[in-house]
Amino acid sequence: MSDWLESGVTVEEIPEGTMRKVSLAGRRLLLVHAEGRVFACDEMCPHEEVSLALGCIQGRKIKCSLHGSRFDLESGRVLDEPADENLAVYPVRVEEGRILVQPD
């Protein structure tokens, strides 16, 4: 596994129920603050390469705005068609309010 990387974002900068796009280790990621936790996933939907930042958070799930596919933010598992590929998710930890991500 790779090192933990600073996202450059604090928990306070992502209010509950919101998202923030970041770029780490050459990847476009999305930080999602949902149900008291921060999750990190690929920004782009694996189905049609649309930014999931345009979608909506539903509990610990994220819904793509284009075709309505939903993904579990903890496991990345696809929950609804038409997507048939899981979403890449990454470990997150918070230290003194700073969000760190381990992008493989």
PDB file of N, CA and C in Angstrom:
ATOM      1  N   MET A   1       0.833  -1.189   0.000  1.00  0.00           N
ATOM      2  CA  MET A   1       0.000   0.000   0.000  1.00  0.00           C
ATOM      3  C   MET A   1       0.875   1.248   0.000  1.00  0.00           C
ATOM      4  N   SER A   2       0.324   2.297  -0.532  1.00  0.00           N
ATOM      5  CA  SER A   2       1.057   3.558  -0.594  1.00  0.00           C
ATOM      6  C   SER A   2       0.924   4.328   0.711  1.00  0.00           C
ATOM      7  N   ASP A   3       1.617   5.428   0.774  1.00  0.00           N
ATOM      8  CA  ASP A   3       1.560   6.289   1.950  1.00  0.00           C
ATOM      9  C   ASP A   3       0.244   7.048   2.002  1.00  0.00           C
ATOM     10  N   TRP A   4      -0.061   7.533   3.188  1.00  0.00           N
ATOM     11  CA  TRP A   4      -1.213   8.411   3.355  1.00  0.00           C
ATOM     12  C   TRP A   4      -0.851   9.779   2.797  1.00  0.00           C
ATOM     13  N   LEU A   5      -1.726  10.350   2.002  1.00  0.00           N
ATOM     14  CA  LEU A   5      -1.486  11.656   1.392  1.00  0.00           C
ATOM     15  C   LEU A   5      -2.453  12.689   1.939  1.00  0.00           C
ATOM     16  N   GLU A   6      -1.931  13.876   2.187  1.00  0.00           N
ATOM     17  CA  GLU A   6      -2.770  15.002   2.617  1.00  0.00           C
ATOM     18  C   GLU A   6      -3.666  15.413   1.458  1.00  0.00           C
ATOM     19  N   SER A   7      -4.947  15.543   1.720  1.00  0.00           N
ATOM     20  CA  SER A   7      -5.874  15.973   0.667  1.00  0.00           C
ATOM     21  C   SER A   7      -5.853  17.482   0.480  1.00  0.00           C
ATOM     22  N   GLY A   8      -5.339  18.193   1.496  1.00  0.00           N
ATOM     23  CA  GLY A   8      -5.374  19.651   1.455  1.00  0.00           C
ATOM     24  C   GLY A   8      -6.716  20.212   1.885  1.00  0.00           C
ATOM     25  N   VAL A   9      -7.573  19.330   2.407  1.00  0.00           N
ATOM     26  CA  VAL A   9      -8.926  19.714   2.806  1.00  0.00           C
ATOM     27  C   VAL A   9      -9.138  19.265   4.249  1.00  0.00           C
ATOM     28  N   THR A  10      -9.859  20.078   5.010  1.00  0.00           N
ATOM     29  CA  THR A  10     -10.218  19.693   6.373  1.00  0.00           C
ATOM     30  C   THR A  10     -11.686  19.283   6.413  1.00  0.00           C
ATOM     31  N   VAL A  11     -12.032  18.550   7.449  1.00  0.00           N
ATOM     32  CA  VAL A  11     -13.422  18.117   7.616  1.00  0.00           C
ATOM     33  C   VAL A  11     -14.355  19.325   7.667  1.00  0.00           C
ATOM     34  N   GLU A  12     -13.901  20.402   8.282  1.00  0.00           N
ATOM     35  CA  GLU A  12     -14.734  21.599   8.403  1.00  0.00           C
ATOM     36  C   GLU A  12     -15.055  22.217   7.044  1.00  0.00           C
ATOM     37  N   GLU A  13     -14.212  21.958   6.051  1.00  0.00           N
ATOM     38  CA  GLU A  13     -14.426  22.517   4.715  1.00  0.00           C
ATOM     39  C   GLU A  13     -15.417  21.708   3.880  1.00  0.00           C
ATOM     40  N   ILE A  14     -15.799  20.546   4.383  1.00  0.00           N
ATOM     41  CA  ILE A  14     -16.788  19.716   3.687  1.00  0.00           C
ATOM     42  C   ILE A  14     -17.932  19.450   4.666  1.00  0.00           C
ATOM     43  N   PRO A  15     -18.926  20.309   4.709  1.00  0.00           N
ATOM     44  CA  PRO A  15     -20.037  20.084   5.633  1.00  0.00           C
ATOM     45  C   PRO A  15     -20.729  18.740   5.372  1.00  0.00           C
ATOM     46  N   GLU A  16     -21.324  18.203   6.396  1.00  0.00           N
ATOM     47  CA  GLU A  16     -22.085  16.958   6.283  1.00  0.00           C
ATOM     48  C   GLU A  16     -23.034  17.039   5.086  1.00  0.00           C
ATOM     49  N   GLY A  17     -23.043  15.977   4.281  1.00  0.00           N
ATOM     50  CA  GLY A  17     -23.938  15.912   3.124  1.00  0.00           C
ATOM     51  C   GLY A  17     -23.414  16.602   1.879  1.00  0.00           C
ATOM     52  N   THR A  18     -22.109  16.961   1.877  1.00  0.00           N
ATOM     53  CA  THR A  18     -21.532  17.617   0.698  1.00  0.00           C
ATOM     54  C   THR A  18     -20.303  16.852   0.209  1.00  0.00           C
ATOM     55  N   MET A  19     -19.787  17.305  -0.938  1.00  0.00           N
ATOM     56  CA  MET A  19     -18.639  16.661  -1.582  1.00  0.00           C
ATOM     57  C   MET A  19     -17.624  17.718  -1.972  1.00  0.00           C
ATOM     58  N   ARG A  20     -16.385  17.260  -2.195  1.00  0.00           N
ATOM     59  CA  ARG A  20     -15.317  18.155  -2.657  1.00  0.00           C
ATOM     60  C   ARG A  20     -14.410  17.377  -3.595  1.00  0.00           C
ATOM     61  N   LYS A  21     -14.152  17.929  -4.774  1.00  0.00           N
ATOM     62  CA  LYS A  21     -13.229  17.312  -5.733  1.00  0.00           C
ATOM     63  C   LYS A  21     -11.796  17.656  -5.340  1.00  0.00           C
ATOM     64  N   VAL A  22     -10.902  16.657  -5.429  1.00  0.00           N
ATOM     65  CA  VAL A  22      -9.475  16.862  -5.173  1.00  0.00           C
ATOM     66  C   VAL A  22      -8.673  16.034  -6.178  1.00  0.00           C
ATOM     67  N   SER A  23      -7.421  16.401  -6.345  1.00  0.00           N
ATOM     68  CA  SER A  23      -6.509  15.634  -7.190  1.00  0.00           C
ATOM     69  C   SER A  23      -5.358  15.161  -6.314  1.00  0.00           C
ATOM     70  N   LEU A  24      -5.160  13.839  -6.265  1.00  0.00           N
ATOM     71  CA  LEU A  24      -4.098  13.248  -5.446  1.00  0.00           C
ATOM     72  C   LEU A  24      -3.406  12.146  -6.235  1.00  0.00           C
ATOM     73  N   ALA A  25      -2.108  12.160  -6.230  1.00  0.00           N
ATOM     74  CA  ALA A  25      -1.312  11.113  -6.884  1.00  0.00           C
ATOM     75  C   ALA A  25      -1.760  10.899  -8.325  1.00  0.00           C
ATOM     76  N   GLY A  26      -2.095  11.994  -9.010  1.00  0.00           N
ATOM     77  CA  GLY A  26      -2.501  11.908 -10.407  1.00  0.00           C
ATOM     78  C   GLY A  26      -3.906  11.399 -10.630  1.00  0.00           C
ATOM     79  N   ARG A  27      -4.687  11.306  -9.567  1.00  0.00           N
ATOM     80  CA  ARG A  27      -6.063  10.814  -9.671  1.00  0.00           C
ATOM     81  C   ARG A  27      -7.052  11.909  -9.317  1.00  0.00           C
ATOM     82  N   ARG A  28      -8.171  11.901 -10.019  1.00  0.00           N
ATOM     83  CA  ARG A  28      -9.275  12.806  -9.694  1.00  0.00           C
ATOM     84  C   ARG A  28     -10.184  12.081  -8.712  1.00  0.00           C
ATOM     85  N   LEU A  29     -10.186  12.570  -7.475  1.00  0.00           N
ATOM     86  CA  LEU A  29     -10.962  11.931  -6.422  1.00  0.00           C
ATOM     87  C   LEU A  29     -12.081  12.836  -5.948  1.00  0.00           C
ATOM     88  N   LEU A  30     -13.028  12.202  -5.271  1.00  0.00           N
ATOM     89  CA  LEU A  30     -14.135  12.920  -4.666  1.00  0.00           C
ATOM     90  C   LEU A  30     -14.155  12.571  -3.186  1.00  0.00           C
ATOM     91  N   LEU A  31     -14.126  13.590  -2.333  1.00  0.00           N
ATOM     92  CA  LEU A  31     -14.281  13.398  -0.895  1.00  0.00           C
ATOM     93  C   LEU A  31     -15.741  13.648  -0.573  1.00  0.00           C
ATOM     94  N   VAL A  32     -16.347  12.726   0.147  1.00  0.00           N
ATOM     95  CA  VAL A  32     -17.775  12.802   0.454  1.00  0.00           C
ATOM     96  C   VAL A  32     -17.950  12.726   1.965  1.00  0.00           C
ATOM     97  N   HIS A  33     -18.663  13.692   2.537  1.00  0.00           N
ATOM     98  CA  HIS A  33     -18.946  13.698   3.975  1.00  0.00           C
ATOM     99  C   HIS A  33     -20.391  13.240   4.150  1.00  0.00           C
ATOM    100  N   ALA A  34     -20.545  12.010   4.626  1.00  0.00           N
ATOM    101  CA  ALA A  34     -21.879  11.425   4.746  1.00  0.00           C
ATOM    102  C   ALA A  34     -22.003  10.641   6.043  1.00  0.00           C
ATOM    103  N   GLU A  35     -23.086  10.880   6.746  1.00  0.00           N
ATOM    104  CA  GLU A  35     -23.395  10.156   7.980  1.00  0.00           C
ATOM    105  C   GLU A  35     -22.224  10.132   8.959  1.00  0.00           C
ATOM    106  N   GLY A  36     -21.587  11.297   9.120  1.00  0.00           N
ATOM    107  CA  GLY A  36     -20.533  11.439  10.114  1.00  0.00           C
ATOM    108  C   GLY A  36     -19.167  10.916   9.715  1.00  0.00           C
ATOM    109  N   ARG A  37     -19.031  10.444   8.479  1.00  0.00           N
ATOM    110  CA  ARG A  37     -17.740   9.925   8.004  1.00  0.00           C
ATOM    111  C   ARG A  37     -17.344  10.610   6.711  1.00  0.00           C
ATOM    112  N   VAL A  38     -16.045  10.572   6.424  1.00  0.00           N
ATOM    113  CA  VAL A  38     -15.549  11.073   5.142  1.00  0.00           C
ATOM    114  C   VAL A  38     -15.122   9.863   4.321  1.00  0.00           C
ATOM    115  N   PHE A  39     -15.576   9.828   3.084  1.00  0.00           N
ATOM    116  CA  PHE A  39     -15.250   8.761   2.143  1.00  0.00           C
ATOM    117  C   PHE A  39     -14.471   9.358   0.983  1.00  0.00           C
ATOM    118  N   ALA A  40     -13.651   8.536   0.334  1.00  0.00           N
ATOM    119  CA  ALA A  40     -12.931   8.960  -0.869  1.00  0.00           C
ATOM    120  C   ALA A  40     -13.192   7.940  -1.967  1.00  0.00           C
ATOM    121  N   CYS A  41     -13.507   8.447  -3.155  1.00  0.00           N
ATOM    122  CA  CYS A  41     -13.757   7.579  -4.302  1.00  0.00           C
ATOM    123  C   CYS A  41     -13.285   8.285  -5.566  1.00  0.00           C
ATOM    124  N   ASP A  42     -13.236   7.531  -6.671  1.00  0.00           N
ATOM    125  CA  ASP A  42     -12.950   8.170  -7.945  1.00  0.00           C
ATOM    126  C   ASP A  42     -14.031   9.201  -8.222  1.00  0.00           C
ATOM    127  N   GLU A  43     -13.637  10.321  -8.801  1.00  0.00           N
ATOM    128  CA  GLU A  43     -14.610  11.368  -9.114  1.00  0.00           C
ATOM    129  C   GLU A  43     -15.554  10.951 -10.234  1.00  0.00           C
ATOM    130  N   MET A  44     -15.040  10.199 -11.199  1.00  0.00           N
ATOM    131  CA  MET A  44     -15.817   9.889 -12.392  1.00  0.00           C
ATOM    132  C   MET A  44     -16.573   8.569 -12.250  1.00  0.00           C
ATOM    133  N   CYS A  45     -17.825   8.574 -12.701  1.00  0.00           N
ATOM    134  CA  CYS A  45     -18.645   7.366 -12.712  1.00  0.00           C
ATOM    135  C   CYS A  45     -18.004   6.347 -13.657  1.00  0.00           C
ATOM    136  N   PRO A  46     -17.867   5.092 -13.237  1.00  0.00           N
ATOM    137  CA  PRO A  46     -17.250   4.094 -14.107  1.00  0.00           C
ATOM    138  C   PRO A  46     -18.112   3.717 -15.310  1.00  0.00           C
ATOM    139  N   HIS A  47     -19.358   4.143 -15.314  1.00  0.00           N
ATOM    140  CA  HIS A  47     -20.256   3.790 -16.412  1.00  0.00           C
ATOM    141  C   HIS A  47     -20.082   4.688 -17.623  1.00  0.00           C
ATOM    142  N   GLU A  48     -20.155   6.004 -17.440  1.00  0.00           N
ATOM    143  CA  GLU A  48     -20.115   6.935 -18.573  1.00  0.00           C
ATOM    144  C   GLU A  48     -19.148   8.097 -18.373  1.00  0.00           C
ATOM    145  N   GLU A  49     -18.238   7.977 -17.397  1.00  0.00           N
ATOM    146  CA  GLU A  49     -17.235   9.023 -17.166  1.00  0.00           C
ATOM    147  C   GLU A  49     -17.842  10.410 -16.933  1.00  0.00           C
ATOM    148  N   VAL A  50     -18.887  10.464 -16.129  1.00  0.00           N
ATOM    149  CA  VAL A  50     -19.506  11.721 -15.710  1.00  0.00           C
ATOM    150  C   VAL A  50     -19.083  11.971 -14.269  1.00  0.00           C
ATOM    151  N   SER A  51     -18.833  13.219 -13.914  1.00  0.00           N
ATOM    152  CA  SER A  51     -18.413  13.533 -12.555  1.00  0.00           C
ATOM    153  C   SER A  51     -19.521  13.202 -11.558  1.00  0.00           C
ATOM    154  N   LEU A  52     -19.183  12.396 -10.572  1.00  0.00           N
ATOM    155  CA  LEU A  52     -20.147  12.076  -9.523  1.00  0.00           C
ATOM    156  C   LEU A  52     -20.423  13.278  -8.626  1.00  0.00           C
ATOM    157  N   ALA A  53     -19.608  14.320  -8.731  1.00  0.00           N
ATOM    158  CA  ALA A  53     -19.864  15.550  -7.975  1.00  0.00           C
ATOM    159  C   ALA A  53     -21.172  16.199  -8.424  1.00  0.00           C
ATOM    160  N   LEU A  54     -21.656  15.838  -9.606  1.00  0.00           N
ATOM    161  CA  LEU A  54     -22.933  16.351 -10.104  1.00  0.00           C
ATOM    162  C   LEU A  54     -24.110  15.542  -9.571  1.00  0.00           C
ATOM    163  N   GLY A  55     -23.804  14.424  -8.924  1.00  0.00           N
ATOM    164  CA  GLY A  55     -24.841  13.547  -8.399  1.00  0.00           C
ATOM    165  C   GLY A  55     -25.275  13.950  -7.005  1.00  0.00           C
ATOM    166  N   CYS A  56     -25.872  12.997  -6.298  1.00  0.00           N
ATOM    167  CA  CYS A  56     -26.343  13.310  -4.946  1.00  0.00           C
ATOM    168  C   CYS A  56     -25.968  12.189  -3.985  1.00  0.00           C
ATOM    169  N   ILE A  57     -25.863  12.582  -2.729  1.00  0.00           N
ATOM    170  CA  ILE A  57     -25.539  11.657  -1.651  1.00  0.00           C
ATOM    171  C   ILE A  57     -26.849  11.146  -1.076  1.00  0.00           C
ATOM    172  N   GLN A  58     -26.934   9.835  -0.902  1.00  0.00           N
ATOM    173  CA  GLN A  58     -28.115   9.209  -0.302  1.00  0.00           C
ATOM    174  C   GLN A  58     -27.630   8.280   0.805  1.00  0.00           C
ATOM    175  N   GLY A  59     -27.551   8.809   2.016  1.00  0.00           N
ATOM    176  CA  GLY A  59     -26.972   8.031   3.111  1.00  0.00           C
ATOM    177  C   GLY A  59     -25.501   7.799   2.830  1.00  0.00           C
ATOM    178  N   ARG A  60     -25.085   6.534   2.853  1.00  0.00           N
ATOM    179  CA  ARG A  60     -23.688   6.190   2.534  1.00  0.00           C
ATOM    180  C   ARG A  60     -23.570   5.691   1.093  1.00  0.00           C
ATOM    181  N   LYS A  61     -24.389   6.276   0.247  1.00  0.00           N
ATOM    182  CA  LYS A  61     -24.383   5.939  -1.172  1.00  0.00           C
ATOM    183  C   LYS A  61     -24.290   7.220  -1.986  1.00  0.00           C
ATOM    184  N   ILE A  62     -23.786   7.091  -3.218  1.00  0.00           N
ATOM    185  CA  ILE A  62     -23.739   8.229  -4.120  1.00  0.00           C
ATOM    186  C   ILE A  62     -24.442   7.825  -5.408  1.00  0.00           C
ATOM    187  N   LYS A  63     -25.234   8.756  -5.937  1.00  0.00           N
ATOM    188  CA  LYS A  63     -26.029   8.494  -7.140  1.00  0.00           C
ATOM    189  C   LYS A  63     -25.526   9.362  -8.284  1.00  0.00           C
ATOM    190  N   CYS A  64     -25.247   8.725  -9.415  1.00  0.00           N
ATOM    191  CA  CYS A  64     -24.801   9.444 -10.607  1.00  0.00           C
ATOM    192  C   CYS A  64     -25.977  10.205 -11.211  1.00  0.00           C
ATOM    193  N   SER A  65     -25.715  11.433 -11.618  1.00  0.00           N
ATOM    194  CA  SER A  65     -26.781  12.278 -12.164  1.00  0.00           C
ATOM    195  C   SER A  65     -27.173  11.903 -13.591  1.00  0.00           C
ATOM    196  N   LEU A  66     -26.330  11.168 -14.297  1.00  0.00           N
ATOM    197  CA  LEU A  66     -26.629  10.887 -15.704  1.00  0.00           C
ATOM    198  C   LEU A  66     -27.660   9.778 -15.886  1.00  0.00           C
ATOM    199  N   HIS A  67     -27.388   8.594 -15.374  1.00  0.00           N
ATOM    200  CA  HIS A  67     -28.307   7.472 -15.567  1.00  0.00           C
ATOM    201  C   HIS A  67     -28.865   6.910 -14.264  1.00  0.00           C
ATOM    202  N   GLY A  68     -28.497   7.497 -13.131  1.00  0.00           N
ATOM    203  CA  GLY A  68     -29.080   7.085 -11.859  1.00  0.00           C
ATOM    204  C   GLY A  68     -28.426   5.903 -11.171  1.00  0.00           C
ATOM    205  N   SER A  69     -27.297   5.438 -11.667  1.00  0.00           N
ATOM    206  CA  SER A  69     -26.611   4.343 -10.974  1.00  0.00           C
ATOM    207  C   SER A  69     -26.182   4.813  -9.587  1.00  0.00           C
ATOM    208  N   ARG A  70     -26.311   3.912  -8.609  1.00  0.00           N
ATOM    209  CA  ARG A  70     -25.880   4.228  -7.249  1.00  0.00           C
ATOM    210  C   ARG A  70     -24.736   3.306  -6.856  1.00  0.00           C
ATOM    211  N   PHE A  71     -23.854   3.852  -6.002  1.00  0.00           N
ATOM    212  CA  PHE A  71     -22.687   3.112  -5.534  1.00  0.00           C
ATOM    213  C   PHE A  71     -22.582   3.235  -4.023  1.00  0.00           C
ATOM    214  N   ASP A  72     -22.176   2.146  -3.368  1.00  0.00           N
ATOM    215  CA  ASP A  72     -21.924   2.149  -1.933  1.00  0.00           C
ATOM    216  C   ASP A  72     -20.591   2.851  -1.687  1.00  0.00           C
ATOM    217  N   LEU A  73     -20.586   3.873  -0.836  1.00  0.00           N
ATOM    218  CA  LEU A  73     -19.367   4.647  -0.583  1.00  0.00           C
ATOM    219  C   LEU A  73     -18.334   3.889   0.249  1.00  0.00           C
ATOM    220  N   GLU A  74     -18.770   2.879   0.989  1.00  0.00           N
ATOM    221  CA  GLU A  74     -17.814   2.108   1.790  1.00  0.00           C
ATOM    222  C   GLU A  74     -17.089   1.061   0.951  1.00  0.00           C
ATOM    223  N   SER A  75     -17.830   0.336   0.139  1.00  0.00           N
ATOM    224  CA  SER A  75     -17.246  -0.769  -0.632  1.00  0.00           C
ATOM    225  C   SER A  75     -17.021  -0.434  -2.099  1.00  0.00           C
ATOM    226  N   GLY A  76     -17.723   0.568  -2.610  1.00  0.00           N
ATOM    227  CA  GLY A  76     -17.657   0.902  -4.026  1.00  0.00           C
ATOM    228  C   GLY A  76     -18.587   0.059  -4.883  1.00  0.00           C
ATOM    229  N   ARG A  77     -19.280  -0.872  -4.256  1.00  0.00           N
ATOM    230  CA  ARG A  77     -20.148  -1.795  -4.994  1.00  0.00           C
ATOM    231  C   ARG A  77     -21.255  -1.048  -5.726  1.00  0.00           C
ATOM    232  N   VAL A  78     -21.459  -1.422  -6.997  1.00  0.00           N
ATOM    233  CA  VAL A  78     -22.549  -0.844  -7.775  1.00  0.00           C
ATOM    234  C   VAL A  78     -23.861  -1.444  -7.263  1.00  0.00           C
ATOM    235  N   LEU A  79     -24.855  -0.584  -7.038  1.00  0.00           N
ATOM    236  CA  LEU A  79     -26.132  -1.016  -6.477  1.00  0.00           C
ATOM    237  C   LEU A  79     -27.263  -0.997  -7.495  1.00  0.00           C
ATOM    238  N   ASP A  80     -27.152  -0.165  -8.516  1.00  0.00           N
ATOM    239  CA  ASP A  80     -28.219  -0.032  -9.514  1.00  0.00           C
ATOM    240  C   ASP A  80     -27.631   0.057 -10.910  1.00  0.00           C
ATOM    241  N   GLU A  81     -28.318  -0.548 -11.854  1.00  0.00           N
ATOM    242  CA  GLU A  81     -27.952  -0.421 -13.265  1.00  0.00           C
ATOM    243  C   GLU A  81     -28.238   1.005 -13.716  1.00  0.00           C
ATOM    244  N   PRO A  82     -27.677   1.446 -14.817  1.00  0.00           N
ATOM    245  CA  PRO A  82     -27.027   0.645 -15.838  1.00  0.00           C
ATOM    246  C   PRO A  82     -25.549   0.357 -15.579  1.00  0.00           C
ATOM    247  N   ALA A  83     -24.935   0.987 -14.582  1.00  0.00           N
ATOM    248  CA  ALA A  83     -23.513   0.707 -14.313  1.00  0.00           C
ATOM    249  C   ALA A  83     -23.348  -0.768 -13.965  1.00  0.00           C
ATOM    250  N   ASP A  84     -22.271  -1.362 -14.442  1.00  0.00           N
ATOM    251  CA  ASP A  84     -21.992  -2.752 -14.110  1.00  0.00           C
ATOM    252  C   ASP A  84     -20.574  -2.930 -13.568  1.00  0.00           C
ATOM    253  N   GLU A  85     -19.914  -1.805 -13.322  1.00  0.00           N
ATOM    254  CA  GLU A  85     -18.554  -1.816 -12.786  1.00  0.00           C
ATOM    255  C   GLU A  85     -18.544  -1.065 -11.463  1.00  0.00           C
ATOM    256  N   ASN A  86     -17.879  -1.631 -10.460  1.00  0.00           N
ATOM    257  CA  ASN A  86     -17.803  -0.986  -9.155  1.00  0.00           C
ATOM    258  C   ASN A  86     -17.004   0.310  -9.221  1.00  0.00           C
ATOM    259  N   LEU A  87     -17.275   1.181  -8.270  1.00  0.00           N
ATOM    260  CA  LEU A  87     -16.575   2.452  -8.120  1.00  0.00           C
ATOM    261  C   LEU A  87     -15.339   2.227  -7.245  1.00  0.00           C
ATOM    262  N   ALA A  88     -14.200   2.755  -7.647  1.00  0.00           N
ATOM    263  CA  ALA A  88     -12.991   2.640  -6.824  1.00  0.00           C
ATOM    264  C   ALA A  88     -13.124   3.543  -5.601  1.00  0.00           C
ATOM    265  N   VAL A  89     -12.900   2.967  -4.423  1.00  0.00           N
ATOM    266  CA  VAL A  89     -12.933   3.721  -3.169  1.00  0.00           C
ATOM    267  C   VAL A  89     -11.578   3.560  -2.485  1.00  0.00           C
ATOM    268  N   TYR A  90     -11.244   4.507  -1.615  1.00  0.00           N
ATOM    269  CA  TYR A  90      -9.915   4.556  -1.011  1.00  0.00           C
ATOM    270  C   TYR A  90     -10.024   4.787   0.495  1.00  0.00           C
ATOM    271  N   PRO A  91      -9.091   4.218   1.272  1.00  0.00           N
ATOM    272  CA  PRO A  91      -9.091   4.440   2.714  1.00  0.00           C
ATOM    273  C   PRO A  91      -8.896   5.926   3.049  1.00  0.00           C
ATOM    274  N   VAL A  92      -9.601   6.344   4.090  1.00  0.00           N
ATOM    275  CA  VAL A  92      -9.534   7.735   4.564  1.00  0.00           C
ATOM    276  C   VAL A  92      -9.299   7.710   6.064  1.00  0.00           C
ATOM    277  N   ARG A  93      -8.510   8.651   6.524  1.00  0.00           N
ATOM    278  CA  ARG A  93      -8.423   8.882   7.966  1.00  0.00           C
ATOM    279  C   ARG A  93      -8.371  10.384   8.192  1.00  0.00           C
ATOM    280  N   VAL A  94      -8.811  10.780   9.369  1.00  0.00           N
ATOM    281  CA  VAL A  94      -8.836  12.192   9.734  1.00  0.00           C
ATOM    282  C   VAL A  94      -7.915  12.377  10.927  1.00  0.00           C
ATOM    283  N   GLU A  95      -6.954  13.299  10.789  1.00  0.00           N
ATOM    284  CA  GLU A  95      -6.024  13.619  11.870  1.00  0.00           C
ATOM    285  C   GLU A  95      -6.104  15.106  12.152  1.00  0.00           C
ATOM    286  N   GLU A  96      -6.543  15.432  13.356  1.00  0.00           N
ATOM    287  CA  GLU A  96      -6.677  16.832  13.768  1.00  0.00           C
ATOM    288  C   GLU A  96      -7.458  17.641  12.735  1.00  0.00           C
ATOM    289  N   GLY A  97      -8.509  17.029  12.197  1.00  0.00           N
ATOM    290  CA  GLY A  97      -9.381  17.704  11.236  1.00  0.00           C
ATOM    291  C   GLY A  97      -8.926  17.610   9.795  1.00  0.00           C
ATOM    292  N   ARG A  98      -7.664  17.206   9.567  1.00  0.00           N
ATOM    293  CA  ARG A  98      -7.132  17.094   8.200  1.00  0.00           C
ATOM    294  C   ARG A  98      -7.517  15.742   7.603  1.00  0.00           C
ATOM    295  N   ILE A  99      -7.927  15.757   6.344  1.00  0.00           N
ATOM    296  CA  ILE A  99      -8.334  14.526   5.663  1.00  0.00           C
ATOM    297  C   ILE A  99      -7.148  13.954   4.897  1.00  0.00           C
ATOM    298  N   LEU A 100      -6.803  12.699   5.212  1.00  0.00           N
ATOM    299  CA  LEU A 100      -5.727  11.985   4.525  1.00  0.00           C
ATOM    300  C   LEU A 100      -6.333  10.813   3.761  1.00  0.00           C
ATOM    301  N   VAL A 101      -5.774  10.539   2.594  1.00  0.00           N
ATOM    302  CA  VAL A 101      -6.281   9.468   1.734  1.00  0.00           C
ATOM    303  C   VAL A 101      -5.115   8.565   1.352  1.00  0.00           C
ATOM    304  N   GLN A 102      -5.407   7.283   1.217  1.00  0.00           N
ATOM    305  CA  GLN A 102      -4.401   6.312   0.777  1.00  0.00           C
ATOM    306  C   GLN A 102      -4.838   5.782  -0.599  1.00  0.00           C
ATOM    307  N   PRO A 103      -4.381   6.448  -1.671  1.00  0.00           N
ATOM    308  CA  PRO A 103      -4.861   6.083  -3.015  1.00  0.00           C
ATOM    309  C   PRO A 103      -4.088   4.931  -3.651  1.00  0.00           C
ATOM    310  N   ASP A 104      -4.063   3.781  -2.983  1.00  0.00           N
ATOM    311  CA  ASP A 104      -3.322   2.577  -3.419  1.00  0.00           C
ATOM    312  C   ASP A 104      -1.848   2.781  -3.250  1.00  0.00           C
TER     313      ASP A 104
END
